[in-house]
N, C-alpha and C. Protein backbone atom coordinates (compact mmCIF):
# COMPACT_ATOMS: atom_id res chain seq x y z
N MET A 1 107.28 116.56 114.11
CA MET A 1 107.50 117.16 112.81
C MET A 1 108.44 116.25 112.01
N ALA A 2 108.06 115.96 110.80
CA ALA A 2 108.89 115.12 109.94
C ALA A 2 109.97 115.95 109.27
N LEU A 3 111.16 115.41 109.23
CA LEU A 3 112.29 116.07 108.59
C LEU A 3 113.00 115.08 107.69
N PRO A 4 113.59 115.53 106.59
CA PRO A 4 114.36 114.61 105.76
C PRO A 4 115.61 114.14 106.50
N ALA A 5 115.98 112.91 106.29
CA ALA A 5 117.17 112.35 106.95
C ALA A 5 118.41 112.73 106.17
N SER A 6 119.46 113.05 106.90
CA SER A 6 120.75 113.30 106.25
C SER A 6 121.57 112.01 106.31
N ALA A 7 122.65 111.95 105.57
CA ALA A 7 123.49 110.75 105.54
C ALA A 7 123.97 110.38 106.94
N ASN A 8 124.31 111.37 107.76
CA ASN A 8 124.81 111.09 109.11
C ASN A 8 123.73 110.53 110.03
N ASP A 9 122.47 110.87 109.78
CA ASP A 9 121.39 110.36 110.63
C ASP A 9 121.31 108.84 110.58
N TRP A 10 121.61 108.27 109.42
CA TRP A 10 121.51 106.82 109.28
C TRP A 10 122.57 106.10 110.11
N ASP A 11 123.66 106.76 110.43
CA ASP A 11 124.69 106.15 111.28
C ASP A 11 124.14 105.80 112.66
N ALA A 12 123.15 106.54 113.12
CA ALA A 12 122.55 106.29 114.43
C ALA A 12 121.88 104.93 114.49
N LEU A 13 121.52 104.36 113.34
CA LEU A 13 120.87 103.05 113.32
C LEU A 13 121.81 101.92 113.70
N ASP A 14 123.10 102.20 113.77
CA ASP A 14 124.06 101.19 114.22
C ASP A 14 123.96 100.94 115.72
N GLN A 15 123.28 101.83 116.44
CA GLN A 15 123.14 101.67 117.89
C GLN A 15 122.07 100.63 118.19
N THR A 16 122.31 99.82 119.20
CA THR A 16 121.34 98.80 119.60
C THR A 16 120.02 99.45 119.97
N GLY A 17 118.95 98.93 119.44
CA GLY A 17 117.62 99.42 119.76
C GLY A 17 117.16 100.61 118.93
N ALA A 18 117.99 101.11 118.04
CA ALA A 18 117.61 102.26 117.21
C ALA A 18 116.58 101.83 116.17
N VAL A 19 115.63 102.71 115.89
CA VAL A 19 114.55 102.43 114.94
C VAL A 19 114.35 103.63 114.03
N ALA A 20 114.11 103.39 112.76
CA ALA A 20 113.73 104.45 111.82
C ALA A 20 112.33 104.15 111.32
N ILE A 21 111.48 105.15 111.34
CA ILE A 21 110.11 105.01 110.84
C ILE A 21 109.98 105.90 109.61
N MET A 22 109.57 105.29 108.50
CA MET A 22 109.41 106.05 107.25
C MET A 22 108.02 105.80 106.70
N ARG A 23 107.46 106.83 106.12
CA ARG A 23 106.16 106.72 105.47
C ARG A 23 106.10 107.75 104.37
N HIS A 24 105.42 107.41 103.31
CA HIS A 24 105.26 108.36 102.21
C HIS A 24 104.48 109.57 102.69
N ALA A 25 104.61 110.66 101.99
CA ALA A 25 103.97 111.89 102.42
C ALA A 25 102.75 112.27 101.60
N LEU A 26 102.74 111.99 100.33
CA LEU A 26 101.67 112.47 99.47
C LEU A 26 100.94 111.33 98.78
N ALA A 27 99.72 111.07 99.24
CA ALA A 27 98.84 110.10 98.61
C ALA A 27 97.45 110.73 98.62
N PRO A 28 96.77 110.78 97.48
CA PRO A 28 95.46 111.42 97.44
C PRO A 28 94.44 110.68 98.30
N GLY A 29 93.45 111.39 98.77
CA GLY A 29 92.41 110.79 99.59
C GLY A 29 92.66 111.03 101.07
N THR A 30 91.81 110.44 101.88
CA THR A 30 91.95 110.59 103.33
C THR A 30 91.92 109.23 103.98
N GLY A 31 93.00 108.84 104.58
CA GLY A 31 93.07 107.56 105.27
C GLY A 31 93.10 106.37 104.34
N ASP A 32 93.28 105.21 104.93
CA ASP A 32 93.30 103.97 104.15
C ASP A 32 91.88 103.50 103.90
N PRO A 33 91.63 102.83 102.77
CA PRO A 33 90.30 102.28 102.52
C PRO A 33 89.90 101.29 103.62
N ALA A 34 88.61 101.16 103.85
CA ALA A 34 88.12 100.30 104.93
C ALA A 34 88.57 98.85 104.78
N ASP A 35 88.75 98.39 103.55
CA ASP A 35 89.09 96.98 103.31
C ASP A 35 90.55 96.77 102.91
N PHE A 36 91.44 97.71 103.28
CA PHE A 36 92.83 97.57 102.85
C PHE A 36 93.53 96.47 103.64
N GLU A 37 94.52 95.86 103.00
CA GLU A 37 95.35 94.84 103.64
C GLU A 37 96.81 95.22 103.40
N LEU A 38 97.62 95.19 104.45
CA LEU A 38 99.02 95.59 104.33
C LEU A 38 99.79 94.74 103.34
N ASP A 39 99.44 93.47 103.21
CA ASP A 39 100.19 92.59 102.32
C ASP A 39 99.60 92.54 100.90
N ASP A 40 98.65 93.42 100.59
CA ASP A 40 98.04 93.47 99.26
C ASP A 40 98.01 94.91 98.78
N CYS A 41 99.01 95.29 97.97
CA CYS A 41 99.14 96.68 97.51
C CYS A 41 97.93 97.15 96.71
N SER A 42 97.21 96.23 96.08
CA SER A 42 96.07 96.64 95.27
C SER A 42 94.92 97.18 96.12
N THR A 43 94.95 96.97 97.43
CA THR A 43 93.89 97.48 98.31
C THR A 43 94.28 98.80 98.97
N GLN A 44 95.47 99.30 98.68
CA GLN A 44 95.96 100.51 99.34
C GLN A 44 95.88 101.72 98.43
N ARG A 45 95.98 102.91 99.03
CA ARG A 45 95.96 104.14 98.23
C ARG A 45 97.19 104.21 97.34
N ILE A 46 97.04 104.87 96.21
CA ILE A 46 98.12 105.04 95.25
C ILE A 46 98.81 106.37 95.52
N LEU A 47 100.14 106.39 95.47
CA LEU A 47 100.89 107.64 95.63
C LEU A 47 100.64 108.55 94.44
N SER A 48 100.59 109.85 94.70
CA SER A 48 100.51 110.82 93.60
C SER A 48 101.90 110.96 92.98
N ASP A 49 102.00 111.69 91.87
CA ASP A 49 103.31 111.92 91.26
C ASP A 49 104.26 112.58 92.26
N ALA A 50 103.76 113.55 93.01
CA ALA A 50 104.60 114.24 94.01
C ALA A 50 105.02 113.27 95.11
N GLY A 51 104.17 112.34 95.48
CA GLY A 51 104.51 111.36 96.50
C GLY A 51 105.57 110.38 96.05
N ARG A 52 105.60 110.07 94.75
CA ARG A 52 106.62 109.18 94.22
C ARG A 52 107.97 109.87 94.09
N ASP A 53 107.95 111.20 93.93
CA ASP A 53 109.20 111.97 93.82
C ASP A 53 109.77 112.12 95.18
């Protein structure tokens, strides 16, 4: 379950080996396009207004 991070949660990243994974929540459509490339934003889905907020 995804939860918003609090200011204190980020302190845990000072520990060796700690990792934070973040991803947007609201983008219209289902899945990434078949021809998307991670290094080319023009091939990826666009965030909705709610996703940008």
